[in-house]
């Protein structure tokens, strides 16, 4: 899909090509260039919801004084999990992206004329 969008933007092709791509007619669409593709932010919303639900279930029995264990003898506190949150690392992540990703992309674009 990205390759089709790039093709249309670069060649000023007709937007009807998008509709044609979803028919039986074969449409040659070049692969999108890998340069510039970047996973900006992983999202763990559903995982964090499940963790919150599980933690709510275990928090009442997970006090240090509690003797509550599972069938393997593990203490209930072992089941409590922190949600995944990259926001607390945002400054370090942004610094890394600027220094190692964006600079390398720009250098490659300049060298290769892409």
C-alpha atoms as a PDB file:
ATOM      1  CA  UNK A   1       0.000   0.000   0.000  1.00  0.00           C
ATOM      2  CA  UNK A   2       2.822   2.368   0.795  1.00  0.00           C
ATOM      3  CA  UNK A   3       4.479   1.502  -2.508  1.00  0.00           C
ATOM      4  CA  UNK A   4       1.272   2.411  -4.346  1.00  0.00           C
ATOM      5  CA  UNK A   5       1.014   5.723  -2.500  1.00  0.00           C
ATOM      6  CA  UNK A   6       4.654   6.543  -3.306  1.00  0.00           C
ATOM      7  CA  UNK A   7       4.114   5.558  -6.954  1.00  0.00           C
ATOM      8  CA  UNK A   8       1.082   7.828  -7.263  1.00  0.00           C
ATOM      9  CA  UNK A   9       2.814  10.732  -5.548  1.00  0.00           C
ATOM     10  CA  UNK A  10       6.013  10.471  -7.596  1.00  0.00           C
ATOM     11  CA  UNK A  11       4.406   9.820 -10.968  1.00  0.00           C
ATOM     12  CA  UNK A  12       1.329  11.980 -10.470  1.00  0.00           C
ATOM     13  CA  UNK A  13      -0.657   8.912 -11.474  1.00  0.00           C
ATOM     14  CA  UNK A  14      -4.400   8.730 -11.477  1.00  0.00           C
ATOM     15  CA  UNK A  15      -6.039   7.882  -8.138  1.00  0.00           C
ATOM     16  CA  UNK A  16      -8.194   5.375 -10.054  1.00  0.00           C
ATOM     17  CA  UNK A  17      -5.128   3.129  -9.989  1.00  0.00           C
ATOM     18  CA  UNK A  18      -5.975   2.409  -6.351  1.00  0.00           C
ATOM     19  CA  UNK A  19      -9.363   0.998  -7.337  1.00  0.00           C
ATOM     20  CA  UNK A  20      -7.766  -0.995 -10.181  1.00  0.00           C
ATOM     21  CA  UNK A  21      -5.296  -2.551  -7.743  1.00  0.00           C
ATOM     22  CA  UNK A  22      -8.228  -4.228  -5.973  1.00  0.00           C
ATOM     23  CA  UNK A  23      -9.611  -5.848  -9.124  1.00  0.00           C
ATOM     24  CA  UNK A  24      -8.510  -8.891 -11.090  1.00  0.00           C
ATOM     25  CA  UNK A  25      -6.375  -6.652 -13.311  1.00  0.00           C
ATOM     26  CA  UNK A  26      -2.702  -6.997 -12.434  1.00  0.00           C
ATOM     27  CA  UNK A  27      -1.058  -3.754 -11.423  1.00  0.00           C
ATOM     28  CA  UNK A  28       2.721  -3.601 -11.049  1.00  0.00           C
ATOM     29  CA  UNK A  29       3.479  -1.680  -7.884  1.00  0.00           C
ATOM     30  CA  UNK A  30       7.129  -1.282  -6.906  1.00  0.00           C
ATOM     31  CA  UNK A  31       8.116  -2.057  -3.349  1.00  0.00           C
ATOM     32  CA  UNK A  32       8.218   0.905  -1.038  1.00  0.00           C
ATOM     33  CA  UNK A  33      11.747   2.029  -0.230  1.00  0.00           C
ATOM     34  CA  UNK A  34      12.820   0.791   3.192  1.00  0.00           C
ATOM     35  CA  UNK A  35      14.573   4.069   3.877  1.00  0.00           C
ATOM     36  CA  UNK A  36      12.298   6.116   6.064  1.00  0.00           C
ATOM     37  CA  UNK A  37      10.205   3.261   7.416  1.00  0.00           C
ATOM     38  CA  UNK A  38      10.342   3.437  11.179  1.00  0.00           C
ATOM     39  CA  UNK A  39       8.225   2.007  13.962  1.00  0.00           C
ATOM     40  CA  UNK A  40       7.596   5.221  15.855  1.00  0.00           C
ATOM     41  CA  UNK A  41       5.890   3.809  18.901  1.00  0.00           C
ATOM     42  CA  UNK A  42       4.772   0.333  19.923  1.00  0.00           C
ATOM     43  CA  UNK A  43       1.322   0.266  21.491  1.00  0.00           C
ATOM     44  CA  UNK A  44       0.511  -2.100  24.329  1.00  0.00           C
ATOM     45  CA  UNK A  45      -2.983  -0.821  25.140  1.00  0.00           C
ATOM     46  CA  UNK A  46      -4.720  -4.226  25.171  1.00  0.00           C
ATOM     47  CA  UNK A  47      -1.894  -5.860  27.099  1.00  0.00           C
ATOM     48  CA  UNK A  48      -1.979  -3.079  29.703  1.00  0.00           C
ATOM     49  CA  UNK A  49      -5.761  -3.489  30.095  1.00  0.00           C
ATOM     50  CA  UNK A  50      -5.333  -7.218  30.721  1.00  0.00           C
ATOM     51  CA  UNK A  51      -2.559  -6.533  33.235  1.00  0.00           C
ATOM     52  CA  UNK A  52      -4.724  -3.986  35.072  1.00  0.00           C
ATOM     53  CA  UNK A  53      -7.543  -6.528  35.307  1.00  0.00           C
ATOM     54  CA  UNK A  54      -5.205  -9.284  36.503  1.00  0.00           C
ATOM     55  CA  UNK A  55      -3.515  -6.970  39.012  1.00  0.00           C
ATOM     56  CA  UNK A  56      -6.909  -5.929  40.413  1.00  0.00           C
ATOM     57  CA  UNK A  57      -7.696  -9.613  40.950  1.00  0.00           C
ATOM     58  CA  UNK A  58      -4.429 -10.307  42.758  1.00  0.00           C
ATOM     59  CA  UNK A  59      -3.813  -7.061  44.673  1.00  0.00           C
ATOM     60  CA  UNK A  60      -6.082  -7.940  47.603  1.00  0.00           C
ATOM     61  CA  UNK A  61      -4.275 -11.226  48.246  1.00  0.00           C
ATOM     62  CA  UNK A  62      -0.785 -10.008  47.367  1.00  0.00           C
ATOM     63  CA  UNK A  63       0.039  -8.161  50.579  1.00  0.00           C
ATOM     64  CA  UNK A  64       3.366  -9.142  52.134  1.00  0.00           C
ATOM     65  CA  UNK A  65       1.578 -10.622  55.157  1.00  0.00           C
ATOM     66  CA  UNK A  66      -0.641 -12.758  52.934  1.00  0.00           C
ATOM     67  CA  UNK A  67       0.041 -16.472  52.731  1.00  0.00           C
ATOM     68  CA  UNK A  68      -1.991 -16.783  49.470  1.00  0.00           C
ATOM     69  CA  UNK A  69      -0.178 -18.976  46.950  1.00  0.00           C
ATOM     70  CA  UNK A  70      -1.081 -20.788  43.749  1.00  0.00           C
ATOM     71  CA  UNK A  71      -0.929 -24.546  43.227  1.00  0.00           C
ATOM     72  CA  UNK A  72       2.836 -24.323  42.619  1.00  0.00           C
ATOM     73  CA  UNK A  73       3.410 -22.548  45.921  1.00  0.00           C
ATOM     74  CA  UNK A  74       4.121 -19.152  44.338  1.00  0.00           C
ATOM     75  CA  UNK A  75       3.105 -16.117  46.357  1.00  0.00           C
ATOM     76  CA  UNK A  76       0.313 -13.993  44.853  1.00  0.00           C
ATOM     77  CA  UNK A  77       2.639 -10.959  44.672  1.00  0.00           C
ATOM     78  CA  UNK A  78       4.602 -12.810  41.970  1.00  0.00           C
ATOM     79  CA  UNK A  79       1.632 -12.365  39.634  1.00  0.00           C
ATOM     80  CA  UNK A  80       1.489  -8.566  39.822  1.00  0.00           C
ATOM     81  CA  UNK A  81       2.897  -6.925  36.688  1.00  0.00           C
ATOM     82  CA  UNK A  82       3.667  -3.357  35.718  1.00  0.00           C
ATOM     83  CA  UNK A  83       2.028  -2.072  32.560  1.00  0.00           C
ATOM     84  CA  UNK A  84       4.346  -1.467  29.612  1.00  0.00           C
ATOM     85  CA  UNK A  85       4.911   2.269  29.343  1.00  0.00           C
ATOM     86  CA  UNK A  86       7.576   3.794  27.132  1.00  0.00           C
ATOM     87  CA  UNK A  87       6.575   7.347  28.073  1.00  0.00           C
ATOM     88  CA  UNK A  88       8.997   7.353  31.008  1.00  0.00           C
ATOM     89  CA  UNK A  89      11.824   6.678  28.522  1.00  0.00           C
ATOM     90  CA  UNK A  90      10.620   9.149  25.872  1.00  0.00           C
ATOM     91  CA  UNK A  91      13.549  11.574  26.195  1.00  0.00           C
ATOM     92  CA  UNK A  92      16.142   8.811  25.765  1.00  0.00           C
ATOM     93  CA  UNK A  93      14.207   7.235  22.889  1.00  0.00           C
ATOM     94  CA  UNK A  94      13.854  10.582  21.096  1.00  0.00           C
ATOM     95  CA  UNK A  95      17.566  11.277  21.540  1.00  0.00           C
ATOM     96  CA  UNK A  96      18.437   7.838  20.118  1.00  0.00           C
ATOM     97  CA  UNK A  97      16.106   8.297  17.138  1.00  0.00           C
ATOM     98  CA  UNK A  98      17.522  11.710  16.307  1.00  0.00           C
ATOM     99  CA  UNK A  99      21.137  10.609  16.687  1.00  0.00           C
ATOM    100  CA  UNK A 100      21.109   7.160  15.100  1.00  0.00           C
ATOM    101  CA  UNK A 101      18.009   6.890  12.926  1.00  0.00           C
ATOM    102  CA  UNK A 102      17.169  10.262  11.428  1.00  0.00           C
ATOM    103  CA  UNK A 103      20.800  11.267  10.867  1.00  0.00           C
ATOM    104  CA  UNK A 104      21.534   7.946   9.126  1.00  0.00           C
ATOM    105  CA  UNK A 105      18.415   8.315   6.981  1.00  0.00           C
ATOM    106  CA  UNK A 106      19.363  11.848   5.984  1.00  0.00           C
ATOM    107  CA  UNK A 107      22.941  10.804   5.193  1.00  0.00           C
ATOM    108  CA  UNK A 108      21.723   7.937   3.005  1.00  0.00           C
ATOM    109  CA  UNK A 109      19.229  10.174   1.219  1.00  0.00           C
ATOM    110  CA  UNK A 110      21.957  12.733   0.546  1.00  0.00           C
ATOM    111  CA  UNK A 111      24.450  10.117  -0.678  1.00  0.00           C
ATOM    112  CA  UNK A 112      22.038   8.141  -2.840  1.00  0.00           C
ATOM    113  CA  UNK A 113      19.788  10.971  -3.961  1.00  0.00           C
ATOM    114  CA  UNK A 114      16.687   9.100  -2.839  1.00  0.00           C
END
